[in-house]
C-alpha atoms as a PDB file:
ATOM      1  CA  MET A   1      28.616  19.290 -19.168  1.00  0.00           C
ATOM      2  CA  LEU A   2      27.307  21.118 -15.925  1.00  0.00           C
ATOM      3  CA  GLU A   3      30.097  22.709 -14.054  1.00  0.00           C
ATOM      4  CA  VAL A   4      28.642  23.777 -10.634  1.00  0.00           C
ATOM      5  CA  SER A   5      30.959  27.043  -9.404  1.00  0.00           C
ATOM      6  CA  ASN A   6      30.710  30.257  -8.276  1.00  0.00           C
ATOM      7  CA  LEU A   7      32.950  32.320  -6.712  1.00  0.00           C
ATOM      8  CA  ASP A   8      34.368  28.888  -4.521  1.00  0.00           C
ATOM      9  CA  TYR A   9      30.941  28.487  -3.105  1.00  0.00           C
ATOM     10  CA  ALA A  10      29.748  25.109  -4.844  1.00  0.00           C
ATOM     11  CA  SER A  11      30.535  21.955  -2.481  1.00  0.00           C
ATOM     12  CA  GLU A  12      29.079  18.859  -3.366  1.00  0.00           C
ATOM     13  CA  GLU A  13      27.095  18.921  -0.167  1.00  0.00           C
ATOM     14  CA  THR A  14      24.874  22.324  -1.325  1.00  0.00           C
ATOM     15  CA  VAL A  15      24.636  20.514  -4.409  1.00  0.00           C
ATOM     16  CA  TYR A  16      23.245  17.422  -2.921  1.00  0.00           C
ATOM     17  CA  PHE A  17      21.150  19.785  -0.497  1.00  0.00           C
ATOM     18  CA  GLN A  18      19.383  21.911  -3.462  1.00  0.00           C
ATOM     19  CA  ARG A  19      19.122  18.414  -5.129  1.00  0.00           C
ATOM     20  CA  LEU A  20      17.378  16.943  -2.430  1.00  0.00           C
ATOM     21  CA  SER A  21      15.477  19.557  -1.458  1.00  0.00           C
ATOM     22  CA  VAL A  22      14.068  20.236  -5.090  1.00  0.00           C
ATOM     23  CA  ILE A  23      12.819  16.516  -4.651  1.00  0.00           C
ATOM     24  CA  VAL A  24      11.069  17.214  -1.312  1.00  0.00           C
ATOM     25  CA  THR A  25       9.211  19.832  -2.449  1.00  0.00           C
ATOM     26  CA  ASP A  26       8.130  17.784  -5.230  1.00  0.00           C
ATOM     27  CA  PHE A  27       6.030  16.300  -2.951  1.00  0.00           C
ATOM     28  CA  ILE A  28       3.418  19.211  -3.128  1.00  0.00           C
ATOM     29  CA  PHE A  29       3.439  19.139  -6.783  1.00  0.00           C
ATOM     30  CA  PHE A  30       2.057  15.127  -6.850  1.00  0.00           C
ATOM     31  CA  TYR A  31      -0.008  16.080  -4.008  1.00  0.00           C
ATOM     32  CA  ALA A  32      -2.013  18.888  -5.647  1.00  0.00           C
ATOM     33  CA  VAL A  33      -2.318  16.125  -9.081  1.00  0.00           C
ATOM     34  CA  LEU A  34      -3.678  13.790  -6.820  1.00  0.00           C
ATOM     35  CA  GLU A  35      -6.335  15.992  -5.774  1.00  0.00           C
ATOM     36  CA  PHE A  36      -6.740  17.739  -9.413  1.00  0.00           C
ATOM     37  CA  LYS A  37      -7.340  13.646 -10.526  1.00  0.00           C
ATOM     38  CA  ASP A  38      -9.314  13.637  -7.690  1.00  0.00           C
ATOM     39  CA  VAL A  39     -11.672  16.716  -8.178  1.00  0.00           C
ATOM     40  CA  SER A  40     -11.933  16.086 -12.175  1.00  0.00           C
ATOM     41  CA  SER A  41     -13.728  12.837 -11.357  1.00  0.00           C
ATOM     42  CA  LEU A  42     -16.005  14.404  -9.213  1.00  0.00           C
ATOM     43  CA  SER A  43     -17.099  16.559 -12.305  1.00  0.00           C
ATOM     44  CA  LYS A  44     -20.831  15.692 -13.443  1.00  0.00           C
ATOM     45  CA  ASP A  45     -20.674  18.159 -16.474  1.00  0.00           C
ATOM     46  CA  LEU A  46     -17.860  15.988 -18.211  1.00  0.00           C
ATOM     47  CA  LYS A  47     -18.451  13.239 -20.862  1.00  0.00           C
ATOM     48  CA  LYS A  48     -16.919   9.760 -20.240  1.00  0.00           C
ATOM     49  CA  LYS A  49     -14.174  10.306 -22.653  1.00  0.00           C
ATOM     50  CA  GLU A  50     -13.384  14.199 -21.278  1.00  0.00           C
ATOM     51  CA  SER A  51     -13.746  12.440 -17.609  1.00  0.00           C
ATOM     52  CA  ILE A  52     -11.105   9.961 -18.427  1.00  0.00           C
ATOM     53  CA  PHE A  53      -8.915  12.571 -20.025  1.00  0.00           C
ATOM     54  CA  MET A  54      -9.189  14.870 -17.216  1.00  0.00           C
ATOM     55  CA  GLN A  55      -8.537  12.391 -14.390  1.00  0.00           C
ATOM     56  CA  TYR A  56      -5.876   9.913 -16.143  1.00  0.00           C
ATOM     57  CA  THR A  57      -3.938  12.079 -19.472  1.00  0.00           C
ATOM     58  CA  ILE A  58      -3.785  15.031 -17.964  1.00  0.00           C
ATOM     59  CA  PRO A  59      -2.410  14.318 -14.507  1.00  0.00           C
ATOM     60  CA  VAL A  60       0.351  12.036 -16.481  1.00  0.00           C
ATOM     61  CA  LEU A  61       1.380  14.659 -18.675  1.00  0.00           C
ATOM     62  CA  LEU A  62       1.873  16.565 -15.369  1.00  0.00           C
ATOM     63  CA  VAL A  63       3.616  14.219 -13.529  1.00  0.00           C
ATOM     64  CA  PHE A  64       6.010  13.553 -16.215  1.00  0.00           C
ATOM     65  CA  ASN A  65       6.702  16.946 -17.609  1.00  0.00           C
ATOM     66  CA  LEU A  66      10.063  16.823 -18.800  1.00  0.00           C
ATOM     67  CA  GLY A  67      10.591  20.783 -18.924  1.00  0.00           C
ATOM     68  CA  LEU A  68       9.283  21.205 -15.238  1.00  0.00           C
ATOM     69  CA  PHE A  69      11.904  18.295 -14.371  1.00  0.00           C
ATOM     70  CA  ILE A  70      14.989  20.012 -16.376  1.00  0.00           C
ATOM     71  CA  VAL A  71      14.763  23.353 -15.120  1.00  0.00           C
ATOM     72  CA  ASP A  72      13.926  22.415 -11.238  1.00  0.00           C
ATOM     73  CA  HIS A  73      16.711  19.942 -10.681  1.00  0.00           C
ATOM     74  CA  ILE A  74      19.302  21.452 -12.803  1.00  0.00           C
ATOM     75  CA  HIS A  75      18.898  25.198 -12.233  1.00  0.00           C
ATOM     76  CA  PHE A  76      16.911  24.702  -8.776  1.00  0.00           C
ATOM     77  CA  GLN A  77      14.290  26.905  -9.587  1.00  0.00           C
ATOM     78  CA  TYR A  78      11.570  25.201  -7.346  1.00  0.00           C
ATOM     79  CA  ASN A  79       8.713  25.786  -9.885  1.00  0.00           C
ATOM     80  CA  GLY A  80       7.294  22.488  -8.932  1.00  0.00           C
ATOM     81  CA  ILE A  81       6.120  23.434  -5.858  1.00  0.00           C
ATOM     82  CA  LEU A  82       5.064  26.835  -7.393  1.00  0.00           C
ATOM     83  CA  PHE A  83       3.213  25.195  -9.987  1.00  0.00           C
ATOM     84  CA  GLY A  84       1.916  22.591  -7.184  1.00  0.00           C
ATOM     85  CA  ILE A  85       0.740  25.164  -4.875  1.00  0.00           C
ATOM     86  CA  MET A  86      -1.090  27.124  -7.700  1.00  0.00           C
ATOM     87  CA  LEU A  87      -2.983  23.855  -8.575  1.00  0.00           C
ATOM     88  CA  LEU A  88      -3.939  23.272  -5.275  1.00  0.00           C
ATOM     89  CA  SER A  89      -4.982  26.744  -4.536  1.00  0.00           C
ATOM     90  CA  ILE A  90      -7.314  26.481  -8.104  1.00  0.00           C
ATOM     91  CA  ILE A  91      -8.035  23.061  -6.841  1.00  0.00           C
ATOM     92  CA  ARG A  92      -9.767  24.233  -3.320  1.00  0.00           C
ATOM     93  CA  ILE A  93     -11.379  26.959  -5.316  1.00  0.00           C
ATOM     94  CA  LEU A  94     -13.327  24.651  -7.723  1.00  0.00           C
ATOM     95  CA  GLN A  95     -14.280  22.566  -4.048  1.00  0.00           C
ATOM     96  CA  ASP A  96     -15.744  25.654  -2.910  1.00  0.00           C
ATOM     97  CA  ARG A  97     -13.493  26.344  -0.447  1.00  0.00           C
ATOM     98  CA  ASN A  98     -12.642  29.413  -0.915  1.00  0.00           C
ATOM     99  CA  VAL A  99     -10.871  31.078   1.759  1.00  0.00           C
ATOM    100  CA  GLU A 100      -8.690  27.671   1.986  1.00  0.00           C
ATOM    101  CA  GLY A 101      -8.005  28.626  -2.209  1.00  0.00           C
ATOM    102  CA  ALA A 102      -7.064  32.134  -0.921  1.00  0.00           C
ATOM    103  CA  PHE A 103      -4.620  30.898   1.886  1.00  0.00           C
ATOM    104  CA  TRP A 104      -2.480  28.871  -0.574  1.00  0.00           C
ATOM    105  CA  PHE A 105      -2.994  31.910  -3.427  1.00  0.00           C
ATOM    106  CA  ALA A 106      -1.175  34.171  -0.826  1.00  0.00           C
ATOM    107  CA  VAL A 107       1.466  31.922   0.401  1.00  0.00           C
ATOM    108  CA  LEU A 108       2.370  31.533  -3.759  1.00  0.00           C
ATOM    109  CA  LEU A 109       2.400  35.367  -3.840  1.00  0.00           C
ATOM    110  CA  ASN A 110       4.574  35.287  -0.920  1.00  0.00           C
ATOM    111  CA  MET A 111       6.976  32.689  -2.433  1.00  0.00           C
ATOM    112  CA  LYS A 112       6.927  34.493  -6.046  1.00  0.00           C
ATOM    113  CA  HIS A 113       6.128  38.279  -6.750  1.00  0.00           C
ATOM    114  CA  ILE A 114       5.290  36.879 -10.159  1.00  0.00           C
ATOM    115  CA  TYR A 115       2.161  35.456  -9.548  1.00  0.00           C
ATOM    116  CA  MET A 116       1.039  38.874  -8.870  1.00  0.00           C
ATOM    117  CA  TYR A 117      -0.428  39.035 -12.521  1.00  0.00           C
ATOM    118  CA  VAL A 118      -2.802  36.573 -11.280  1.00  0.00           C
ATOM    119  CA  ALA A 119      -4.033  38.310  -8.454  1.00  0.00           C
ATOM    120  CA  PRO A 120      -6.542  40.567 -10.180  1.00  0.00           C
ATOM    121  CA  ALA A 121      -8.635  37.504 -11.430  1.00  0.00           C
ATOM    122  CA  TYR A 122      -8.030  35.881  -7.975  1.00  0.00           C
ATOM    123  CA  PHE A 123      -9.360  39.030  -5.881  1.00  0.00           C
ATOM    124  CA  ILE A 124     -12.345  39.684  -8.985  1.00  0.00           C
ATOM    125  CA  TYR A 125     -13.719  35.496  -8.703  1.00  0.00           C
ATOM    126  CA  LEU A 126     -13.138  35.403  -5.142  1.00  0.00           C
ATOM    127  CA  LEU A 127     -15.606  38.484  -4.651  1.00  0.00           C
ATOM    128  CA  ARG A 128     -17.874  37.622  -6.646  1.00  0.00           C
ATOM    129  CA  THR A 129     -18.131  33.890  -6.023  1.00  0.00           C
ATOM    130  CA  TYR A 130     -17.353  34.489  -2.117  1.00  0.00           C
ATOM    131  CA  CYS A 131     -18.328  37.896  -0.770  1.00  0.00           C
ATOM    132  CA  PHE A 132     -21.258  38.136  -3.109  1.00  0.00           C
ATOM    133  CA  GLN A 133     -24.301  35.829  -3.008  1.00  0.00           C
ATOM    134  CA  ALA A 134     -23.870  33.656  -6.020  1.00  0.00           C
ATOM    135  CA  ASP A 135     -26.110  33.119  -8.523  1.00  0.00           C
ATOM    136  CA  MET A 136     -27.605  36.367  -7.983  1.00  0.00           C
ATOM    137  CA  PRO A 137     -27.285  39.662  -9.715  1.00  0.00           C
ATOM    138  CA  ILE A 138     -24.663  41.995  -7.859  1.00  0.00           C
ATOM    139  CA  SER A 139     -25.675  44.196  -5.309  1.00  0.00           C
ATOM    140  CA  TRP A 140     -23.902  45.836  -2.714  1.00  0.00           C
ATOM    141  CA  SER A 141     -27.034  44.577  -0.742  1.00  0.00           C
ATOM    142  CA  ARG A 142     -25.803  40.975  -1.241  1.00  0.00           C
ATOM    143  CA  PHE A 143     -22.102  41.836  -0.066  1.00  0.00           C
ATOM    144  CA  SER A 144     -21.090  39.581   2.985  1.00  0.00           C
ATOM    145  CA  VAL A 145     -19.145  41.512   4.945  1.00  0.00           C
ATOM    146  CA  ARG A 146     -18.367  38.530   6.697  1.00  0.00           C
ATOM    147  CA  ASN A 147     -16.859  36.920   4.216  1.00  0.00           C
ATOM    148  CA  PHE A 148     -14.919  39.632   2.828  1.00  0.00           C
ATOM    149  CA  ALA A 149     -13.335  39.665   6.502  1.00  0.00           C
ATOM    150  CA  ASN A 150     -12.280  36.144   5.814  1.00  0.00           C
ATOM    151  CA  LEU A 151     -10.348  36.468   3.128  1.00  0.00           C
ATOM    152  CA  ALA A 152      -9.229  39.441   4.528  1.00  0.00           C
ATOM    153  CA  ALA A 153      -7.480  38.035   7.752  1.00  0.00           C
ATOM    154  CA  VAL A 154      -6.838  34.855   5.868  1.00  0.00           C
ATOM    155  CA  VAL A 155      -4.723  36.467   3.296  1.00  0.00           C
ATOM    156  CA  GLY A 156      -3.585  39.481   5.888  1.00  0.00           C
ATOM    157  CA  SER A 157      -2.404  36.620   8.328  1.00  0.00           C
ATOM    158  CA  VAL A 158      -0.425  35.071   5.801  1.00  0.00           C
ATOM    159  CA  PHE A 159       1.462  38.629   4.659  1.00  0.00           C
ATOM    160  CA  ALA A 160       1.605  39.259   8.235  1.00  0.00           C
ATOM    161  CA  VAL A 161       3.488  35.573   8.975  1.00  0.00           C
ATOM    162  CA  SER A 162       6.019  36.606   5.614  1.00  0.00           C
ATOM    163  CA  PHE A 163       6.103  40.312   6.692  1.00  0.00           C
ATOM    164  CA  GLY A 164       6.365  40.302  10.149  1.00  0.00           C
ATOM    165  CA  PRO A 165       9.779  39.653  11.140  1.00  0.00           C
ATOM    166  CA  PHE A 166      11.134  42.232   8.927  1.00  0.00           C
ATOM    167  CA  ILE A 167       9.223  44.926   9.979  1.00  0.00           C
ATOM    168  CA  TYR A 168       9.726  43.852  13.373  1.00  0.00           C
ATOM    169  CA  LEU A 169      13.510  43.954  12.751  1.00  0.00           C
ATOM    170  CA  VAL A 170      12.815  47.472  11.184  1.00  0.00           C
ATOM    171  CA  SER A 171      10.704  48.866  14.621  1.00  0.00           C
ATOM    172  CA  THR A 172      13.151  47.872  16.687  1.00  0.00           C
ATOM    173  CA  LYS A 173      16.634  49.755  14.847  1.00  0.00           C
ATOM    174  CA  LYS A 174      15.271  52.951  15.394  1.00  0.00           C
END
């Protein structure tokens, strides 16, 4: 059914490595699903029926998502870890751990640029909820430069660690 061969680069060891690396990185996805379950159990706004759905049904549907399993374990696209990091980022923001949520989203952007389309929504949300005083009309007098600097430092650090070696390599070749 599936024969892996690509210009003589295919080997059993490569396939085993890819399959094992997908399985190992799926643990980040499972961790994020467990965190989602914990966050949904803390919500006071949900009715009992909704709470049970959020705590049990959604995590089961996420973990047993056959499409994700097939794509990751046949094509080795590592969507499980990407979805896990995205979910973890959202969960951290729901927990009012905005800087940590921004960190995980920056990591996600460095892993796959397609998530850039979500970046404007993240930026606006974090700007409004973390950089301006919450529950008040937006006013530049209520803007927290310190909080903005914290976000910028965390996101900038992630990008510096990611792109720093390449920048260094290019700068030393001149």
